[in-house]
Amino acid sequence: MLHAQCPMPNTNFTQKLQDLMQRVDISSFRALSRAAGVSERQILRLRQGKLEQMRMDVLLKLSLILQVPLSELVATFSVLSVEYQVSSERAKRPATANSTHKEIADLKREYQRSQLQLEEQREVLLQEFQQSSLQLLESLLLQWPTAAQKAQENPQLAAVKIVPLVQKPLEKLLQAWGVEAIAPVGAEIPYNPQLHHLMEGTAQPGETVKVRYTGYLQGGKLLYRAKVSIKTPALLSTEA
């Protein structure tokens, strides 16, 4: 007896993406694009399940904004997961006793194949993420060991000459990931308890404080609050 094949479902993940956006109060794909710092074209690819056309850093940005683990994001928007759902639906259809065993065996093979391909896909994405990060850190990787050796050989070497080797690659990496500093170290800014952590004492919102350790935002989302201290009033000089 021939069984009609179950057609592949439309691999459009728009509704799944909208459900995740609703959980983090993002109302539109344009708003998601701005918040994550990725193009709307990349978001369209995610909606279409075209993960193989997306860079790892883009997926990482989206996972952070949507507050979903990267592995779960890949599994949710992978076409392989849809194939497995189709296989599950086939297994639920009424079948003759002779065909049941065969369909179960086919289902197991399809599941194992899907799991293997999904794992390979995750591995490829991880490698791409590592390669893109290493490219941004290239100058640091190549120059830092030499600079560190010279500093050991010459303790008098000014640290200011070494700082750019670390600072510039780090700035490039943070920029690529859409991470921005709340304020530079040493800046005097109005106190905002939502963005600043007062290291000691008390301060009222709007009162001038000094940044001791910078904090970070990513796509408008707070990662780390900046550590600040109360500005010490300058002492008035007096004549003897």
C-alpha atoms as a PDB file:
ATOM      1  CA  MET A   1       0.000   0.000   0.000  1.00  0.00           C
ATOM      2  CA  LEU A   2       1.487   3.370  -1.034  1.00  0.00           C
ATOM      3  CA  HIS A   3       1.533   6.254   1.401  1.00  0.00           C
ATOM      4  CA  ALA A   4       1.423   9.865   0.198  1.00  0.00           C
ATOM      5  CA  GLN A   5       4.529  11.773   1.173  1.00  0.00           C
ATOM      6  CA  CYS A   6       4.100  14.531   3.706  1.00  0.00           C
ATOM      7  CA  PRO A   7       5.244  17.797   2.090  1.00  0.00           C
ATOM      8  CA  MET A   8       8.017  19.810   3.671  1.00  0.00           C
ATOM      9  CA  PRO A   9       6.596  22.707   5.700  1.00  0.00           C
ATOM     10  CA  ASN A  10       7.362  26.284   4.795  1.00  0.00           C
ATOM     11  CA  THR A  11      10.742  26.949   6.401  1.00  0.00           C
ATOM     12  CA  ASN A  12       9.753  30.411   7.533  1.00  0.00           C
ATOM     13  CA  PHE A  13      10.733  31.097  11.121  1.00  0.00           C
ATOM     14  CA  THR A  14       9.161  34.566  11.295  1.00  0.00           C
ATOM     15  CA  GLN A  15       6.641  33.612  13.969  1.00  0.00           C
ATOM     16  CA  LYS A  16       9.311  31.971  16.126  1.00  0.00           C
ATOM     17  CA  LEU A  17      11.457  35.086  15.883  1.00  0.00           C
ATOM     18  CA  GLN A  18       8.510  37.338  16.731  1.00  0.00           C
ATOM     19  CA  ASP A  19       7.773  35.210  19.794  1.00  0.00           C
ATOM     20  CA  LEU A  20      11.357  35.656  21.028  1.00  0.00           C
ATOM     21  CA  MET A  21      11.232  39.399  20.281  1.00  0.00           C
ATOM     22  CA  GLN A  22       8.018  39.756  22.258  1.00  0.00           C
ATOM     23  CA  ARG A  23       9.700  38.198  25.304  1.00  0.00           C
ATOM     24  CA  VAL A  24      12.309  41.002  25.328  1.00  0.00           C
ATOM     25  CA  ASP A  25       9.899  43.811  24.317  1.00  0.00           C
ATOM     26  CA  ILE A  26      11.237  44.352  20.785  1.00  0.00           C
ATOM     27  CA  SER A  27       8.364  45.399  18.560  1.00  0.00           C
ATOM     28  CA  SER A  28       9.769  45.218  15.021  1.00  0.00           C
ATOM     29  CA  PHE A  29      12.519  43.671  12.918  1.00  0.00           C
ATOM     30  CA  ARG A  30      13.965  47.142  12.377  1.00  0.00           C
ATOM     31  CA  ALA A  31      14.153  47.652  16.143  1.00  0.00           C
ATOM     32  CA  LEU A  32      15.854  44.263  16.484  1.00  0.00           C
ATOM     33  CA  SER A  33      18.321  45.251  13.765  1.00  0.00           C
ATOM     34  CA  ARG A  34      19.236  48.445  15.606  1.00  0.00           C
ATOM     35  CA  ALA A  35      19.405  46.840  19.038  1.00  0.00           C
ATOM     36  CA  ALA A  36      21.667  43.986  17.905  1.00  0.00           C
ATOM     37  CA  GLY A  37      23.727  46.096  15.509  1.00  0.00           C
ATOM     38  CA  VAL A  38      23.105  43.783  12.553  1.00  0.00           C
ATOM     39  CA  SER A  39      21.528  44.412   9.156  1.00  0.00           C
ATOM     40  CA  GLU A  40      17.891  43.644   8.372  1.00  0.00           C
ATOM     41  CA  ARG A  41      19.188  41.350   5.619  1.00  0.00           C
ATOM     42  CA  GLN A  42      20.790  39.147   8.293  1.00  0.00           C
ATOM     43  CA  ILE A  43      17.516  39.050  10.221  1.00  0.00           C
ATOM     44  CA  LEU A  44      15.710  38.007   7.027  1.00  0.00           C
ATOM     45  CA  ARG A  45      18.157  35.136   6.637  1.00  0.00           C
ATOM     46  CA  LEU A  46      17.408  34.042  10.207  1.00  0.00           C
ATOM     47  CA  ARG A  47      13.668  34.124   9.441  1.00  0.00           C
ATOM     48  CA  GLN A  48      14.338  31.911   6.413  1.00  0.00           C
ATOM     49  CA  GLY A  49      16.496  29.440   8.344  1.00  0.00           C
ATOM     50  CA  LYS A  50      19.597  30.276   6.273  1.00  0.00           C
ATOM     51  CA  LEU A  51      22.062  29.951   9.147  1.00  0.00           C
ATOM     52  CA  GLU A  52      24.817  28.729   6.829  1.00  0.00           C
ATOM     53  CA  GLN A  53      24.826  32.211   5.232  1.00  0.00           C
ATOM     54  CA  MET A  54      25.205  34.024   8.569  1.00  0.00           C
ATOM     55  CA  ARG A  55      28.451  34.869  10.349  1.00  0.00           C
ATOM     56  CA  MET A  56      29.029  33.629  13.874  1.00  0.00           C
ATOM     57  CA  ASP A  57      29.387  37.135  15.335  1.00  0.00           C
ATOM     58  CA  VAL A  58      25.955  38.057  13.911  1.00  0.00           C
ATOM     59  CA  LEU A  59      24.324  35.031  15.539  1.00  0.00           C
ATOM     60  CA  LEU A  60      26.090  35.838  18.805  1.00  0.00           C
ATOM     61  CA  LYS A  61      24.765  39.420  18.778  1.00  0.00           C
ATOM     62  CA  LEU A  62      21.225  38.188  18.132  1.00  0.00           C
ATOM     63  CA  SER A  63      21.452  35.546  20.865  1.00  0.00           C
ATOM     64  CA  LEU A  64      22.535  38.199  23.376  1.00  0.00           C
ATOM     65  CA  ILE A  65      19.768  40.635  22.452  1.00  0.00           C
ATOM     66  CA  LEU A  66      17.096  37.923  22.364  1.00  0.00           C
ATOM     67  CA  GLN A  67      18.469  36.464  25.629  1.00  0.00           C
ATOM     68  CA  VAL A  68      18.658  32.984  24.129  1.00  0.00           C
ATOM     69  CA  PRO A  69      21.725  30.703  24.355  1.00  0.00           C
ATOM     70  CA  LEU A  70      23.581  30.485  21.055  1.00  0.00           C
ATOM     71  CA  SER A  71      23.112  26.702  20.819  1.00  0.00           C
ATOM     72  CA  GLU A  72      19.356  27.100  21.367  1.00  0.00           C
ATOM     73  CA  LEU A  73      19.168  29.850  18.739  1.00  0.00           C
ATOM     74  CA  VAL A  74      20.890  27.614  16.180  1.00  0.00           C
ATOM     75  CA  ALA A  75      18.622  24.682  16.996  1.00  0.00           C
ATOM     76  CA  THR A  76      15.469  26.824  16.857  1.00  0.00           C
ATOM     77  CA  PHE A  77      16.161  28.375  13.462  1.00  0.00           C
ATOM     78  CA  SER A  78      17.797  25.420  11.769  1.00  0.00           C
ATOM     79  CA  VAL A  79      16.044  23.795   8.810  1.00  0.00           C
ATOM     80  CA  LEU A  80      17.222  20.476  10.248  1.00  0.00           C
ATOM     81  CA  SER A  81      14.897  20.903  13.208  1.00  0.00           C
ATOM     82  CA  VAL A  82      11.988  21.343  10.782  1.00  0.00           C
ATOM     83  CA  GLU A  83      12.958  18.139   8.982  1.00  0.00           C
ATOM     84  CA  TYR A  84      12.889  16.280  12.266  1.00  0.00           C
ATOM     85  CA  GLN A  85       9.440  17.688  13.081  1.00  0.00           C
ATOM     86  CA  VAL A  86       8.199  16.428   9.708  1.00  0.00           C
ATOM     87  CA  SER A  87       9.617  12.997  10.463  1.00  0.00           C
ATOM     88  CA  SER A  88       7.829  13.030  13.820  1.00  0.00           C
ATOM     89  CA  GLU A  89       4.531  13.868  12.132  1.00  0.00           C
ATOM     90  CA  ARG A  90       4.995  10.984   9.722  1.00  0.00           C
ATOM     91  CA  ALA A  91       5.500   8.642  12.644  1.00  0.00           C
ATOM     92  CA  LYS A  92       2.183   9.775  14.134  1.00  0.00           C
ATOM     93  CA  ARG A  93       0.155   8.885  11.012  1.00  0.00           C
ATOM     94  CA  PRO A  94      -1.898   5.690  11.082  1.00  0.00           C
ATOM     95  CA  ALA A  95       0.118   2.866   9.549  1.00  0.00           C
ATOM     96  CA  THR A  96      -0.224  -0.801   8.918  1.00  0.00           C
ATOM     97  CA  ALA A  97       1.576  -3.275  11.164  1.00  0.00           C
ATOM     98  CA  ASN A  98       4.041  -4.058   8.374  1.00  0.00           C
ATOM     99  CA  SER A  99       4.989  -0.423   7.764  1.00  0.00           C
ATOM    100  CA  THR A 100       5.220   0.689  11.417  1.00  0.00           C
ATOM    101  CA  HIS A 101       8.576  -0.943  12.088  1.00  0.00           C
ATOM    102  CA  LYS A 102      10.068   0.454   8.877  1.00  0.00           C
ATOM    103  CA  GLU A 103       8.827   4.002   9.582  1.00  0.00           C
ATOM    104  CA  ILE A 104      10.263   3.872  13.111  1.00  0.00           C
ATOM    105  CA  ALA A 105      13.618   2.712  11.752  1.00  0.00           C
ATOM    106  CA  ASP A 106      13.540   5.479   9.115  1.00  0.00           C
ATOM    107  CA  LEU A 107      12.669   8.001  11.784  1.00  0.00           C
ATOM    108  CA  LYS A 108      15.640   6.963  13.923  1.00  0.00           C
ATOM    109  CA  ARG A 109      17.997   7.237  10.962  1.00  0.00           C
ATOM    110  CA  GLU A 110      16.657  10.675  10.032  1.00  0.00           C
ATOM    111  CA  TYR A 111      16.965  11.834  13.624  1.00  0.00           C
ATOM    112  CA  GLN A 112      20.565  10.616  13.876  1.00  0.00           C
ATOM    113  CA  ARG A 113      21.403  12.277  10.554  1.00  0.00           C
ATOM    114  CA  SER A 114      19.805  15.540  11.659  1.00  0.00           C
ATOM    115  CA  GLN A 115      21.665  15.490  14.966  1.00  0.00           C
ATOM    116  CA  LEU A 116      24.974  14.864  13.186  1.00  0.00           C
ATOM    117  CA  GLN A 117      24.404  17.646  10.656  1.00  0.00           C
ATOM    118  CA  LEU A 118      23.300  20.059  13.380  1.00  0.00           C
ATOM    119  CA  GLU A 119      26.447  19.304  15.388  1.00  0.00           C
ATOM    120  CA  GLU A 120      28.575  19.851  12.278  1.00  0.00           C
ATOM    121  CA  GLN A 121      26.779  23.136  11.653  1.00  0.00           C
ATOM    122  CA  ARG A 122      27.480  24.295  15.203  1.00  0.00           C
ATOM    123  CA  GLU A 123      31.145  23.358  14.802  1.00  0.00           C
ATOM    124  CA  VAL A 124      31.416  25.362  11.571  1.00  0.00           C
ATOM    125  CA  LEU A 125      29.780  28.394  13.189  1.00  0.00           C
ATOM    126  CA  LEU A 126      32.117  28.142  16.173  1.00  0.00           C
ATOM    127  CA  GLN A 127      35.161  27.974  13.903  1.00  0.00           C
ATOM    128  CA  GLU A 128      33.958  31.009  11.961  1.00  0.00           C
ATOM    129  CA  PHE A 129      33.456  32.900  15.211  1.00  0.00           C
ATOM    130  CA  GLN A 130      36.957  32.018  16.400  1.00  0.00           C
ATOM    131  CA  GLN A 131      38.512  32.999  13.067  1.00  0.00           C
ATOM    132  CA  SER A 132      36.733  36.353  12.922  1.00  0.00           C
ATOM    133  CA  SER A 133      37.785  37.103  16.521  1.00  0.00           C
ATOM    134  CA  LEU A 134      41.402  36.119  15.830  1.00  0.00           C
ATOM    135  CA  GLN A 135      41.479  38.415  12.803  1.00  0.00           C
ATOM    136  CA  LEU A 136      40.423  41.340  14.971  1.00  0.00           C
ATOM    137  CA  LEU A 137      43.081  40.433  17.546  1.00  0.00           C
ATOM    138  CA  GLU A 138      45.809  39.753  14.962  1.00  0.00           C
ATOM    139  CA  SER A 139      48.072  42.674  15.884  1.00  0.00           C
ATOM    140  CA  LEU A 140      47.815  41.802  19.582  1.00  0.00           C
ATOM    141  CA  LEU A 141      48.625  38.124  18.984  1.00  0.00           C
ATOM    142  CA  LEU A 142      51.657  38.962  16.836  1.00  0.00           C
ATOM    143  CA  GLN A 143      53.139  41.871  18.781  1.00  0.00           C
ATOM    144  CA  TRP A 144      52.254  41.246  22.414  1.00  0.00           C
ATOM    145  CA  PRO A 145      54.711  38.361  23.112  1.00  0.00           C
ATOM    146  CA  THR A 146      57.609  40.469  21.787  1.00  0.00           C
ATOM    147  CA  ALA A 147      56.524  43.523  23.762  1.00  0.00           C
ATOM    148  CA  ALA A 148      56.162  41.457  26.947  1.00  0.00           C
ATOM    149  CA  GLN A 149      59.665  40.010  26.481  1.00  0.00           C
ATOM    150  CA  LYS A 150      61.194  43.461  25.968  1.00  0.00           C
ATOM    151  CA  ALA A 151      59.424  44.706  29.110  1.00  0.00           C
ATOM    152  CA  GLN A 152      61.003  41.868  31.103  1.00  0.00           C
ATOM    153  CA  GLU A 153      64.431  42.647  29.675  1.00  0.00           C
ATOM    154  CA  ASN A 154      64.064  46.376  30.308  1.00  0.00           C
ATOM    155  CA  PRO A 155      61.992  47.192  33.440  1.00  0.00           C
ATOM    156  CA  GLN A 156      62.436  50.906  32.644  1.00  0.00           C
ATOM    157  CA  LEU A 157      60.427  50.587  29.414  1.00  0.00           C
ATOM    158  CA  ALA A 158      57.517  53.022  29.576  1.00  0.00           C
ATOM    159  CA  ALA A 159      54.168  51.237  29.874  1.00  0.00           C
ATOM    160  CA  VAL A 160      52.565  53.902  27.673  1.00  0.00           C
ATOM    161  CA  LYS A 161      54.368  52.360  24.687  1.00  0.00           C
ATOM    162  CA  ILE A 162      52.812  48.946  25.320  1.00  0.00           C
ATOM    163  CA  VAL A 163      49.238  50.075  26.035  1.00  0.00           C
ATOM    164  CA  PRO A 164      48.281  50.642  22.340  1.00  0.00           C
ATOM    165  CA  LEU A 165      49.142  47.012  21.549  1.00  0.00           C
ATOM    166  CA  VAL A 166      46.305  45.922  23.821  1.00  0.00           C
ATOM    167  CA  GLN A 167      43.954  48.872  23.501  1.00  0.00           C
ATOM    168  CA  LYS A 168      43.532  49.062  19.711  1.00  0.00           C
ATOM    169  CA  PRO A 169      42.691  45.358  19.089  1.00  0.00           C
ATOM    170  CA  LEU A 170      40.322  45.393  22.047  1.00  0.00           C
ATOM    171  CA  GLU A 171      38.551  48.474  20.713  1.00  0.00           C
ATOM    172  CA  LYS A 172      38.144  46.795  17.299  1.00  0.00           C
ATOM    173  CA  LEU A 173      36.714  43.662  18.887  1.00  0.00           C
ATOM    174  CA  LEU A 174      34.215  45.605  21.026  1.00  0.00           C
ATOM    175  CA  GLN A 175      33.184  47.691  18.022  1.00  0.00           C
ATOM    176  CA  ALA A 176      32.588  44.562  15.933  1.00  0.00           C
ATOM    177  CA  TRP A 177      30.358  43.146  18.679  1.00  0.00           C
ATOM    178  CA  GLY A 178      28.440  46.404  19.145  1.00  0.00           C
ATOM    179  CA  VAL A 179      29.804  46.964  22.660  1.00  0.00           C
ATOM    180  CA  GLU A 180      30.338  50.556  23.803  1.00  0.00           C
ATOM    181  CA  ALA A 181      31.772  52.052  26.979  1.00  0.00           C
ATOM    182  CA  ILE A 182      29.411  53.990  29.253  1.00  0.00           C
ATOM    183  CA  ALA A 183      32.080  56.605  29.956  1.00  0.00           C
ATOM    184  CA  PRO A 184      35.890  56.749  29.889  1.00  0.00           C
ATOM    185  CA  VAL A 185      37.930  56.315  33.075  1.00  0.00           C
ATOM    186  CA  GLY A 186      38.485  59.645  34.796  1.00  0.00           C
ATOM    187  CA  ALA A 187      35.415  61.311  33.286  1.00  0.00           C
ATOM    188  CA  GLU A 188      33.257  63.436  35.593  1.00  0.00           C
ATOM    189  CA  ILE A 189      29.601  62.757  34.819  1.00  0.00           C
ATOM    190  CA  PRO A 190      26.130  63.081  36.426  1.00  0.00           C
ATOM    191  CA  TYR A 191      25.366  60.117  38.673  1.00  0.00           C
ATOM    192  CA  ASN A 192      22.846  57.665  37.216  1.00  0.00           C
ATOM    193  CA  PRO A 193      22.146  54.688  39.507  1.00  0.00           C
ATOM    194  CA  GLN A 194      20.886  52.638  36.551  1.00  0.00           C
ATOM    195  CA  LEU A 195      24.248  52.883  34.771  1.00  0.00           C
ATOM    196  CA  HIS A 196      26.676  53.565  37.610  1.00  0.00           C
ATOM    197  CA  HIS A 197      27.768  51.634  40.695  1.00  0.00           C
ATOM    198  CA  LEU A 198      28.838  53.900  43.545  1.00  0.00           C
ATOM    199  CA  MET A 199      31.942  52.350  45.124  1.00  0.00           C
ATOM    200  CA  GLU A 200      31.432  54.037  48.499  1.00  0.00           C
ATOM    201  CA  GLY A 201      29.318  56.691  50.188  1.00  0.00           C
ATOM    202  CA  THR A 202      26.033  58.020  48.845  1.00  0.00           C
ATOM    203  CA  ALA A 203      25.086  60.293  45.962  1.00  0.00           C
ATOM    204  CA  GLN A 204      21.915  61.733  44.536  1.00  0.00           C
ATOM    205  CA  PRO A 205      20.984  61.245  40.863  1.00  0.00           C
ATOM    206  CA  GLY A 206      22.545  64.041  38.830  1.00  0.00           C
ATOM    207  CA  GLU A 207      25.315  64.682  41.334  1.00  0.00           C
ATOM    208  CA  THR A 208      28.773  64.797  39.754  1.00  0.00           C
ATOM    209  CA  VAL A 209      30.796  61.594  40.148  1.00  0.00           C
ATOM    210  CA  LYS A 210      34.105  60.382  38.728  1.00  0.00           C
ATOM    211  CA  VAL A 211      34.457  57.174  36.702  1.00  0.00           C
ATOM    212  CA  ARG A 212      36.975  54.737  38.231  1.00  0.00           C
ATOM    213  CA  TYR A 213      36.153  51.630  36.145  1.00  0.00           C
ATOM    214  CA  THR A 214      34.283  51.899  32.869  1.00  0.00           C
ATOM    215  CA  GLY A 215      31.064  49.951  32.242  1.00  0.00           C
ATOM    216  CA  TYR A 216      29.628  48.630  28.974  1.00  0.00           C
ATOM    217  CA  LEU A 217      26.423  48.605  26.916  1.00  0.00           C
ATOM    218  CA  GLN A 218      25.581  46.363  23.973  1.00  0.00           C
ATOM    219  CA  GLY A 219      22.791  47.426  21.666  1.00  0.00           C
ATOM    220  CA  GLY A 220      21.383  49.631  24.410  1.00  0.00           C
ATOM    221  CA  LYS A 221      21.416  46.732  26.904  1.00  0.00           C
ATOM    222  CA  LEU A 222      23.463  47.104  30.081  1.00  0.00           C
ATOM    223  CA  LEU A 223      26.294  44.581  30.419  1.00  0.00           C
ATOM    224  CA  TYR A 224      28.297  46.076  33.308  1.00  0.00           C
ATOM    225  CA  ARG A 225      27.661  49.219  35.315  1.00  0.00           C
ATOM    226  CA  ALA A 226      30.494  51.745  35.494  1.00  0.00           C
ATOM    227  CA  LYS A 227      32.091  52.000  38.939  1.00  0.00           C
ATOM    228  CA  VAL A 228      32.169  55.595  40.147  1.00  0.00           C
ATOM    229  CA  SER A 229      33.165  57.567  43.223  1.00  0.00           C
ATOM    230  CA  ILE A 230      32.001  60.857  44.669  1.00  0.00           C
ATOM    231  CA  LYS A 231      33.966  63.797  43.347  1.00  0.00           C
ATOM    232  CA  THR A 232      36.184  65.178  46.088  1.00  0.00           C
ATOM    233  CA  PRO A 233      35.888  68.949  46.365  1.00  0.00           C
ATOM    234  CA  ALA A 234      39.138  70.766  45.590  1.00  0.00           C
ATOM    235  CA  LEU A 235      40.849  72.129  48.683  1.00  0.00           C
ATOM    236  CA  LEU A 236      41.113  75.905  48.802  1.00  0.00           C
ATOM    237  CA  SER A 237      44.692  77.135  49.181  1.00  0.00           C
ATOM    238  CA  THR A 238      45.316  79.554  52.055  1.00  0.00           C
ATOM    239  CA  GLU A 239      48.131  81.939  52.579  1.00  0.00           C
ATOM    240  CA  ALA A 240      50.302  81.369  55.629  1.00  0.00           C
END
